[in-house]
C-alpha atoms as a PDB file:
ATOM      1  CA  MET A   1      79.362 114.075 116.626  1.00  0.00           C
ATOM      2  CA  ILE A   2      80.048 113.206 120.254  1.00  0.00           C
ATOM      3  CA  GLU A   3      80.695 115.935 122.807  1.00  0.00           C
ATOM      4  CA  LEU A   4      82.437 115.473 126.154  1.00  0.00           C
ATOM      5  CA  LYS A   5      82.873 118.116 128.852  1.00  0.00           C
ATOM      6  CA  ILE A   6      86.347 117.572 130.312  1.00  0.00           C
ATOM      7  CA  GLU A   7      87.676 118.909 133.599  1.00  0.00           C
ATOM      8  CA  GLY A   8      91.311 119.425 134.582  1.00  0.00           C
ATOM      9  CA  ALA A   9      92.802 120.930 131.426  1.00  0.00           C
ATOM     10  CA  THR A  10      94.726 124.145 132.101  1.00  0.00           C
ATOM     11  CA  CYS A  11      97.152 124.668 129.213  1.00  0.00           C
ATOM     12  CA  ASN A  12      97.901 123.894 125.574  1.00  0.00           C
ATOM     13  CA  GLY A  13      99.882 120.841 126.685  1.00  0.00           C
ATOM     14  CA  CYS A  14      96.683 119.498 128.232  1.00  0.00           C
ATOM     15  CA  VAL A  15      94.835 120.143 124.980  1.00  0.00           C
ATOM     16  CA  LYS A  16      97.429 118.134 123.055  1.00  0.00           C
ATOM     17  CA  SER A  17      97.269 115.281 125.601  1.00  0.00           C
ATOM     18  CA  ILE A  18      93.477 115.100 125.420  1.00  0.00           C
ATOM     19  CA  GLU A  19      93.385 115.269 121.625  1.00  0.00           C
ATOM     20  CA  LYS A  20      96.100 112.610 121.342  1.00  0.00           C
ATOM     21  CA  ALA A  21      94.304 110.273 123.769  1.00  0.00           C
ATOM     22  CA  LEU A  22      90.974 110.646 121.975  1.00  0.00           C
ATOM     23  CA  THR A  23      92.503 110.289 118.500  1.00  0.00           C
ATOM     24  CA  GLN A  24      93.856 106.853 119.456  1.00  0.00           C
ATOM     25  CA  VAL A  25      90.380 105.462 120.242  1.00  0.00           C
ATOM     26  CA  LYS A  26      89.057 103.099 117.571  1.00  0.00           C
ATOM     27  CA  GLY A  27      86.498 104.777 115.328  1.00  0.00           C
ATOM     28  CA  VAL A  28      87.607 108.364 115.934  1.00  0.00           C
ATOM     29  CA  GLU A  29      87.991 110.378 112.734  1.00  0.00           C
ATOM     30  CA  GLY A  30      88.617 113.822 114.207  1.00  0.00           C
ATOM     31  CA  VAL A  31      88.986 115.595 117.557  1.00  0.00           C
ATOM     32  CA  SER A  32      88.754 119.208 118.607  1.00  0.00           C
ATOM     33  CA  PHE A  33      89.117 120.339 122.235  1.00  0.00           C
ATOM     34  CA  SER A  34      88.529 123.894 123.426  1.00  0.00           C
ATOM     35  CA  LEU A  35      90.417 124.956 126.537  1.00  0.00           C
ATOM     36  CA  GLU A  36      88.011 127.879 126.914  1.00  0.00           C
ATOM     37  CA  THR A  37      84.788 125.829 126.934  1.00  0.00           C
ATOM     38  CA  LYS A  38      86.362 122.556 128.182  1.00  0.00           C
ATOM     39  CA  LEU A  39      84.419 120.808 125.424  1.00  0.00           C
ATOM     40  CA  ALA A  40      85.779 118.018 123.244  1.00  0.00           C
ATOM     41  CA  GLN A  41      84.034 117.407 119.939  1.00  0.00           C
ATOM     42  CA  ILE A  42      84.704 114.006 118.416  1.00  0.00           C
ATOM     43  CA  THR A  43      83.706 112.892 114.926  1.00  0.00           C
ATOM     44  CA  GLY A  44      83.535 109.301 113.817  1.00  0.00           C
ATOM     45  CA  ASN A  45      81.928 106.160 115.130  1.00  0.00           C
ATOM     46  CA  ALA A  46      83.645 105.682 118.494  1.00  0.00           C
ATOM     47  CA  ASP A  47      82.198 104.205 121.675  1.00  0.00           C
ATOM     48  CA  LYS A  48      81.486 106.896 124.290  1.00  0.00           C
ATOM     49  CA  GLU A  49      82.721 104.652 127.123  1.00  0.00           C
ATOM     50  CA  ALA A  50      86.033 104.104 125.322  1.00  0.00           C
ATOM     51  CA  LEU A  51      86.393 107.859 124.825  1.00  0.00           C
ATOM     52  CA  THR A  52      85.708 108.531 128.507  1.00  0.00           C
ATOM     53  CA  GLU A  53      88.232 105.870 129.517  1.00  0.00           C
ATOM     54  CA  ALA A  54      90.889 107.369 127.214  1.00  0.00           C
ATOM     55  CA  VAL A  55      90.393 110.818 128.762  1.00  0.00           C
ATOM     56  CA  GLU A  56      90.630 109.389 132.282  1.00  0.00           C
ATOM     57  CA  MET A  57      93.768 107.404 131.419  1.00  0.00           C
ATOM     58  CA  ALA A  58      95.321 110.683 130.222  1.00  0.00           C
ATOM     59  CA  GLY A  59      94.682 112.148 133.683  1.00  0.00           C
ATOM     60  CA  PHE A  60      91.533 114.201 133.113  1.00  0.00           C
ATOM     61  CA  ASP A  61      87.901 113.840 134.172  1.00  0.00           C
ATOM     62  CA  VAL A  62      84.822 113.682 131.971  1.00  0.00           C
ATOM     63  CA  ILE A  63      82.145 115.603 133.851  1.00  0.00           C
ATOM     64  CA  GLU A  64      79.417 115.574 131.225  1.00  0.00           C
ATOM     65  CA  SER A  65      78.751 113.656 128.052  1.00  0.00           C
END
């Protein structure tokens, strides 16, 4: 499992945007993002750089990985 701390999410719409962006990355099998902890948990065999790029393209910042 890969975990990313993501900054900038403030609502359930943000959660959906982040989960959608991460789900589209090659190798991702599952995504769960908590608005409370700002932590995304990703299962599968995805590249961490590709995940970070997907989050940034969706308009959010990865502050810790």
